[in-house]
Amino acid sequence: MFDSYLTGALTGLGLIVAIGAQNAYVLRQGIHRQHVGVVVAICALSDALLIVLGVAGVGALIADHPTALTVTKWLGAAYLSWFAIKSFRAALHPQGLELGGPVKRSGVIATTLALTYLNPHVYLDTVLMLGNIANQHGLDGRWWFAAGAVTASLAWFSALGFGARAVAPWVAKPSVWRVLDVIIGCTMLLVATLLVLS
């Protein structure tokens, strides 16, 4: 079960860590020290909800249609490979993080919710992708996988929001994002390979 938990944590981190609008916003709020707890709570709880829905929903689909497991496995591997290529391409043209001015609490909440629930990649990553990979671990293992992914999400958003001030000098450097994108790309290729071989 620990293998499933660890795989869930690593896969969750690989998908969550990729720089995007949501992570950039969490980082921005953390650097400015504005409503960080609210932002972290919304992002982490939303991820947990979507991961659990993905594991439960994909699990129910596979129970009714066993061939769906094979189809989703190959679709998942293709998506992870595309994600890796996207990360490697981003590493070729890295950009630093740009920061804007402060906003009100209500604006922060609305923006965080929008960046979370209006982003189609959130559903692909948490509901479909993590749900698919979790169900490769069997009935019991899938929930350990989900627990690992939820733990990774909570740890990531907490570290990003509350640790942002410490990394502020580095996030403006494109070279930091280059290294991060290469690590993400390699992780996604590894998970895709393990998925195909499972």
C-alpha atoms as a PDB file:
ATOM      1  CA  MET A   1       0.000   0.000   0.000  1.00  0.00           C
ATOM      2  CA  PHE A   2       2.931   2.334   0.644  1.00  0.00           C
ATOM      3  CA  ASP A   3       3.931   1.951  -3.024  1.00  0.00           C
ATOM      4  CA  SER A   4       0.484   3.157  -4.081  1.00  0.00           C
ATOM      5  CA  TYR A   5       0.670   6.061  -1.622  1.00  0.00           C
ATOM      6  CA  LEU A   6       4.133   7.080  -2.835  1.00  0.00           C
ATOM      7  CA  THR A   7       3.146   6.784  -6.495  1.00  0.00           C
ATOM      8  CA  GLY A   8       0.097   8.935  -5.794  1.00  0.00           C
ATOM      9  CA  ALA A   9       2.205  11.564  -4.058  1.00  0.00           C
ATOM     10  CA  LEU A  10       4.806  11.688  -6.838  1.00  0.00           C
ATOM     11  CA  THR A  11       2.239  11.697  -9.634  1.00  0.00           C
ATOM     12  CA  GLY A  12       0.190  14.343  -7.859  1.00  0.00           C
ATOM     13  CA  LEU A  13       3.261  16.507  -7.373  1.00  0.00           C
ATOM     14  CA  GLY A  14       4.307  16.054 -10.991  1.00  0.00           C
ATOM     15  CA  LEU A  15       0.941  17.293 -12.208  1.00  0.00           C
ATOM     16  CA  ILE A  16       0.475  20.040  -9.606  1.00  0.00           C
ATOM     17  CA  VAL A  17       3.975  21.542  -9.612  1.00  0.00           C
ATOM     18  CA  ALA A  18       3.877  22.523 -13.279  1.00  0.00           C
ATOM     19  CA  ILE A  19       3.814  26.303 -13.460  1.00  0.00           C
ATOM     20  CA  GLY A  20       0.435  27.578 -14.464  1.00  0.00           C
ATOM     21  CA  ALA A  21      -1.989  30.332 -13.634  1.00  0.00           C
ATOM     22  CA  GLN A  22      -3.104  28.760 -10.342  1.00  0.00           C
ATOM     23  CA  ASN A  23       0.418  28.140  -9.014  1.00  0.00           C
ATOM     24  CA  ALA A  24       1.593  31.566 -10.149  1.00  0.00           C
ATOM     25  CA  TYR A  25      -1.331  33.148  -8.304  1.00  0.00           C
ATOM     26  CA  VAL A  26      -0.664  31.192  -5.090  1.00  0.00           C
ATOM     27  CA  LEU A  27       2.989  32.197  -5.305  1.00  0.00           C
ATOM     28  CA  ARG A  28       2.086  35.828  -5.940  1.00  0.00           C
ATOM     29  CA  GLN A  29      -0.241  35.953  -2.921  1.00  0.00           C
ATOM     30  CA  GLY A  30       2.410  34.252  -0.799  1.00  0.00           C
ATOM     31  CA  ILE A  31       5.067  36.775  -1.789  1.00  0.00           C
ATOM     32  CA  HIS A  32       2.704  39.657  -0.996  1.00  0.00           C
ATOM     33  CA  ARG A  33       1.461  37.858   2.182  1.00  0.00           C
ATOM     34  CA  GLN A  34      -2.154  38.531   1.248  1.00  0.00           C
ATOM     35  CA  HIS A  35      -4.863  36.056   2.309  1.00  0.00           C
ATOM     36  CA  VAL A  36      -2.423  33.162   1.906  1.00  0.00           C
ATOM     37  CA  GLY A  37      -4.344  30.783   4.192  1.00  0.00           C
ATOM     38  CA  VAL A  38      -7.570  31.275   2.238  1.00  0.00           C
ATOM     39  CA  VAL A  39      -5.837  30.718  -1.103  1.00  0.00           C
ATOM     40  CA  VAL A  40      -4.008  27.594   0.102  1.00  0.00           C
ATOM     41  CA  ALA A  41      -7.194  26.173   1.672  1.00  0.00           C
ATOM     42  CA  ILE A  42      -9.270  26.699  -1.488  1.00  0.00           C
ATOM     43  CA  CYS A  43      -6.640  25.127  -3.746  1.00  0.00           C
ATOM     44  CA  ALA A  44      -5.855  22.142  -1.492  1.00  0.00           C
ATOM     45  CA  LEU A  45      -9.478  21.341  -0.593  1.00  0.00           C
ATOM     46  CA  SER A  46     -10.573  21.688  -4.224  1.00  0.00           C
ATOM     47  CA  ASP A  47      -7.812  19.327  -5.333  1.00  0.00           C
ATOM     48  CA  ALA A  48      -8.788  16.810  -2.650  1.00  0.00           C
ATOM     49  CA  LEU A  49     -12.433  16.940  -3.729  1.00  0.00           C
ATOM     50  CA  LEU A  50     -11.599  16.502  -7.419  1.00  0.00           C
ATOM     51  CA  ILE A  51      -9.111  13.691  -6.740  1.00  0.00           C
ATOM     52  CA  VAL A  52     -11.651  11.747  -4.658  1.00  0.00           C
ATOM     53  CA  LEU A  53     -14.336  12.292  -7.321  1.00  0.00           C
ATOM     54  CA  GLY A  54     -11.909  11.114  -9.988  1.00  0.00           C
ATOM     55  CA  VAL A  55     -10.928   7.969  -8.103  1.00  0.00           C
ATOM     56  CA  ALA A  56     -14.532   7.118  -7.233  1.00  0.00           C
ATOM     57  CA  GLY A  57     -15.930   7.991 -10.668  1.00  0.00           C
ATOM     58  CA  VAL A  58     -13.294   6.296 -12.761  1.00  0.00           C
ATOM     59  CA  GLY A  59     -13.447   3.311 -10.413  1.00  0.00           C
ATOM     60  CA  ALA A  60     -17.207   2.961 -10.955  1.00  0.00           C
ATOM     61  CA  LEU A  61     -16.770   3.228 -14.724  1.00  0.00           C
ATOM     62  CA  ILE A  62     -14.092   0.534 -14.742  1.00  0.00           C
ATOM     63  CA  ALA A  63     -16.177  -1.771 -12.539  1.00  0.00           C
ATOM     64  CA  ASP A  64     -19.018  -1.600 -15.095  1.00  0.00           C
ATOM     65  CA  HIS A  65     -16.767  -1.663 -18.192  1.00  0.00           C
ATOM     66  CA  PRO A  66     -13.468  -3.524 -17.620  1.00  0.00           C
ATOM     67  CA  THR A  67     -12.191  -2.685 -21.123  1.00  0.00           C
ATOM     68  CA  ALA A  68     -12.328   0.992 -20.098  1.00  0.00           C
ATOM     69  CA  LEU A  69      -9.252   0.311 -17.942  1.00  0.00           C
ATOM     70  CA  THR A  70      -7.172  -0.507 -21.004  1.00  0.00           C
ATOM     71  CA  VAL A  71      -8.502   2.454 -22.952  1.00  0.00           C
ATOM     72  CA  THR A  72      -7.931   4.910 -20.116  1.00  0.00           C
ATOM     73  CA  LYS A  73      -4.476   3.468 -19.494  1.00  0.00           C
ATOM     74  CA  TRP A  74      -3.357   4.283 -23.041  1.00  0.00           C
ATOM     75  CA  LEU A  75      -5.110   7.645 -23.058  1.00  0.00           C
ATOM     76  CA  GLY A  76      -3.453   8.452 -19.753  1.00  0.00           C
ATOM     77  CA  ALA A  77      -0.015   7.478 -21.034  1.00  0.00           C
ATOM     78  CA  ALA A  78      -0.571   9.637 -24.128  1.00  0.00           C
ATOM     79  CA  TYR A  79      -1.649  12.611 -22.007  1.00  0.00           C
ATOM     80  CA  LEU A  80       1.323  12.247 -19.653  1.00  0.00           C
ATOM     81  CA  SER A  81       3.684  12.056 -22.638  1.00  0.00           C
ATOM     82  CA  TRP A  82       2.112  15.211 -24.095  1.00  0.00           C
ATOM     83  CA  PHE A  83       2.456  16.894 -20.683  1.00  0.00           C
ATOM     84  CA  ALA A  84       6.154  15.907 -20.607  1.00  0.00           C
ATOM     85  CA  ILE A  85       6.751  17.305 -24.099  1.00  0.00           C
ATOM     86  CA  LYS A  86       4.989  20.525 -23.094  1.00  0.00           C
ATOM     87  CA  SER A  87       7.257  20.803 -20.033  1.00  0.00           C
ATOM     88  CA  PHE A  88      10.391  20.198 -22.114  1.00  0.00           C
ATOM     89  CA  ARG A  89       9.263  22.847 -24.608  1.00  0.00           C
ATOM     90  CA  ALA A  90       8.649  25.294 -21.764  1.00  0.00           C
ATOM     91  CA  ALA A  91      12.187  24.585 -20.534  1.00  0.00           C
ATOM     92  CA  LEU A  92      13.535  25.769 -23.894  1.00  0.00           C
ATOM     93  CA  HIS A  93      11.861  29.183 -23.431  1.00  0.00           C
ATOM     94  CA  PRO A  94      11.604  29.729 -19.657  1.00  0.00           C
ATOM     95  CA  GLN A  95      10.000  32.839 -18.194  1.00  0.00           C
ATOM     96  CA  GLY A  96      10.231  34.350 -14.744  1.00  0.00           C
ATOM     97  CA  LEU A  97       7.175  35.033 -12.621  1.00  0.00           C
ATOM     98  CA  GLU A  98       5.726  38.530 -12.905  1.00  0.00           C
ATOM     99  CA  LEU A  99       3.916  40.042  -9.942  1.00  0.00           C
ATOM    100  CA  GLY A 100       1.080  42.570  -9.826  1.00  0.00           C
ATOM    101  CA  GLY A 101      -0.437  44.766  -7.108  1.00  0.00           C
ATOM    102  CA  PRO A 102      -2.534  43.783  -4.062  1.00  0.00           C
ATOM    103  CA  VAL A 103      -6.271  42.960  -4.199  1.00  0.00           C
ATOM    104  CA  LYS A 104      -9.138  42.627  -1.698  1.00  0.00           C
ATOM    105  CA  ARG A 105     -10.023  39.363   0.064  1.00  0.00           C
ATOM    106  CA  SER A 106     -13.227  38.909  -1.963  1.00  0.00           C
ATOM    107  CA  GLY A 107     -11.248  39.387  -5.162  1.00  0.00           C
ATOM    108  CA  VAL A 108      -8.644  36.867  -4.000  1.00  0.00           C
ATOM    109  CA  ILE A 109     -11.337  34.265  -3.241  1.00  0.00           C
ATOM    110  CA  ALA A 110     -13.098  34.818  -6.575  1.00  0.00           C
ATOM    111  CA  THR A 111      -9.836  34.639  -8.514  1.00  0.00           C
ATOM    112  CA  THR A 112      -8.690  31.479  -6.717  1.00  0.00           C
ATOM    113  CA  LEU A 113     -12.025  29.741  -7.361  1.00  0.00           C
ATOM    114  CA  ALA A 114     -11.970  30.783 -11.018  1.00  0.00           C
ATOM    115  CA  LEU A 115      -8.381  29.613 -11.534  1.00  0.00           C
ATOM    116  CA  THR A 116      -9.302  26.310  -9.906  1.00  0.00           C
ATOM    117  CA  TYR A 117     -12.687  25.420 -11.377  1.00  0.00           C
ATOM    118  CA  LEU A 118     -12.672  27.204 -14.740  1.00  0.00           C
ATOM    119  CA  ASN A 119      -9.418  25.597 -15.841  1.00  0.00           C
ATOM    120  CA  PRO A 120     -10.060  22.493 -17.977  1.00  0.00           C
ATOM    121  CA  HIS A 121      -6.587  21.148 -17.160  1.00  0.00           C
ATOM    122  CA  VAL A 122      -7.622  20.843 -13.507  1.00  0.00           C
ATOM    123  CA  TYR A 123     -10.272  18.292 -14.504  1.00  0.00           C
ATOM    124  CA  LEU A 124      -7.922  16.468 -16.848  1.00  0.00           C
ATOM    125  CA  ASP A 125      -5.200  16.277 -14.201  1.00  0.00           C
ATOM    126  CA  THR A 126      -7.160  15.551 -11.032  1.00  0.00           C
ATOM    127  CA  VAL A 127     -10.364  13.842 -12.115  1.00  0.00           C
ATOM    128  CA  LEU A 128      -9.393  11.948 -15.250  1.00  0.00           C
ATOM    129  CA  MET A 129      -5.617  11.478 -15.003  1.00  0.00           C
ATOM    130  CA  LEU A 130      -5.193  10.824 -11.281  1.00  0.00           C
ATOM    131  CA  GLY A 131      -8.455   8.855 -11.209  1.00  0.00           C
ATOM    132  CA  ASN A 132      -7.212   6.715 -14.084  1.00  0.00           C
ATOM    133  CA  ILE A 133      -3.777   6.052 -12.602  1.00  0.00           C
ATOM    134  CA  ALA A 134      -5.228   5.417  -9.137  1.00  0.00           C
ATOM    135  CA  ASN A 135      -7.447   2.672 -10.504  1.00  0.00           C
ATOM    136  CA  GLN A 136      -4.402   0.843 -11.862  1.00  0.00           C
ATOM    137  CA  HIS A 137      -3.618   0.073  -8.193  1.00  0.00           C
ATOM    138  CA  GLY A 138      -6.693  -2.062  -7.494  1.00  0.00           C
ATOM    139  CA  LEU A 139      -9.652  -1.496  -5.171  1.00  0.00           C
ATOM    140  CA  ASP A 140      -7.653  -0.886  -1.987  1.00  0.00           C
ATOM    141  CA  GLY A 141      -4.543   0.585  -3.571  1.00  0.00           C
ATOM    142  CA  ARG A 142      -6.462   3.289  -5.422  1.00  0.00           C
ATOM    143  CA  TRP A 143      -7.468   4.976  -2.158  1.00  0.00           C
ATOM    144  CA  TRP A 144      -3.879   4.874  -0.922  1.00  0.00           C
ATOM    145  CA  PHE A 145      -2.891   6.450  -4.247  1.00  0.00           C
ATOM    146  CA  ALA A 146      -5.578   9.124  -3.746  1.00  0.00           C
ATOM    147  CA  ALA A 147      -4.331   9.771  -0.203  1.00  0.00           C
ATOM    148  CA  GLY A 148      -0.817  10.262  -1.564  1.00  0.00           C
ATOM    149  CA  ALA A 149      -2.044  12.677  -4.228  1.00  0.00           C
ATOM    150  CA  VAL A 150      -4.117  14.643  -1.691  1.00  0.00           C
ATOM    151  CA  THR A 151      -1.144  14.807   0.696  1.00  0.00           C
ATOM    152  CA  ALA A 152       1.093  16.053  -2.124  1.00  0.00           C
ATOM    153  CA  SER A 153      -1.450  18.708  -3.058  1.00  0.00           C
ATOM    154  CA  LEU A 154      -1.774  19.954   0.521  1.00  0.00           C
ATOM    155  CA  ALA A 155       2.009  19.976   0.981  1.00  0.00           C
ATOM    156  CA  TRP A 156       2.615  21.718  -2.348  1.00  0.00           C
ATOM    157  CA  PHE A 157       0.090  24.503  -1.949  1.00  0.00           C
ATOM    158  CA  SER A 158       1.126  25.081   1.681  1.00  0.00           C
ATOM    159  CA  ALA A 159       4.813  25.236   0.761  1.00  0.00           C
ATOM    160  CA  LEU A 160       4.115  27.433  -2.258  1.00  0.00           C
ATOM    161  CA  GLY A 161       1.901  29.899  -0.406  1.00  0.00           C
ATOM    162  CA  PHE A 162       3.635  30.075   2.969  1.00  0.00           C
ATOM    163  CA  GLY A 163       7.181  29.604   1.646  1.00  0.00           C
ATOM    164  CA  ALA A 164       6.865  32.063  -1.229  1.00  0.00           C
ATOM    165  CA  ARG A 165       8.582  34.928   0.562  1.00  0.00           C
ATOM    166  CA  ALA A 166      11.736  32.832   0.977  1.00  0.00           C
ATOM    167  CA  VAL A 167      11.956  32.000  -2.736  1.00  0.00           C
ATOM    168  CA  ALA A 168      10.963  35.433  -4.058  1.00  0.00           C
ATOM    169  CA  PRO A 169      14.453  36.301  -5.370  1.00  0.00           C
ATOM    170  CA  TRP A 170      14.623  33.071  -7.379  1.00  0.00           C
ATOM    171  CA  VAL A 171      11.153  32.903  -8.941  1.00  0.00           C
ATOM    172  CA  ALA A 172      11.964  35.845 -11.151  1.00  0.00           C
ATOM    173  CA  LYS A 173      14.788  33.841 -12.741  1.00  0.00           C
ATOM    174  CA  PRO A 174      13.857  31.914 -15.913  1.00  0.00           C
ATOM    175  CA  SER A 175      16.637  29.402 -15.181  1.00  0.00           C
ATOM    176  CA  VAL A 176      14.727  28.182 -12.103  1.00  0.00           C
ATOM    177  CA  TRP A 177      11.655  27.431 -14.224  1.00  0.00           C
ATOM    178  CA  ARG A 178      13.855  25.694 -16.822  1.00  0.00           C
ATOM    179  CA  VAL A 179      15.120  23.201 -14.217  1.00  0.00           C
ATOM    180  CA  LEU A 180      11.629  22.741 -12.770  1.00  0.00           C
ATOM    181  CA  ASP A 181      10.116  22.069 -16.214  1.00  0.00           C
ATOM    182  CA  VAL A 182      12.809  19.479 -17.030  1.00  0.00           C
ATOM    183  CA  ILE A 183      12.181  17.668 -13.728  1.00  0.00           C
ATOM    184  CA  ILE A 184       8.418  17.717 -14.357  1.00  0.00           C
ATOM    185  CA  GLY A 185       8.892  16.395 -17.900  1.00  0.00           C
ATOM    186  CA  CYS A 186      11.091  13.518 -16.724  1.00  0.00           C
ATOM    187  CA  THR A 187       8.622  12.632 -13.956  1.00  0.00           C
ATOM    188  CA  MET A 188       5.699  12.560 -16.395  1.00  0.00           C
ATOM    189  CA  LEU A 189       7.602  10.313 -18.833  1.00  0.00           C
ATOM    190  CA  LEU A 190       8.459   7.935 -15.991  1.00  0.00           C
ATOM    191  CA  VAL A 191       4.830   7.768 -14.820  1.00  0.00           C
ATOM    192  CA  ALA A 192       3.649   7.243 -18.434  1.00  0.00           C
ATOM    193  CA  THR A 193       6.096   4.368 -18.857  1.00  0.00           C
ATOM    194  CA  LEU A 194       5.038   2.742 -15.574  1.00  0.00           C
ATOM    195  CA  LEU A 195       1.399   3.145 -16.580  1.00  0.00           C
ATOM    196  CA  VAL A 196       1.930   1.370 -19.911  1.00  0.00           C
ATOM    197  CA  LEU A 197       3.914  -1.430 -18.253  1.00  0.00           C
ATOM    198  CA  SER A 198       1.345  -1.987 -15.465  1.00  0.00           C
END
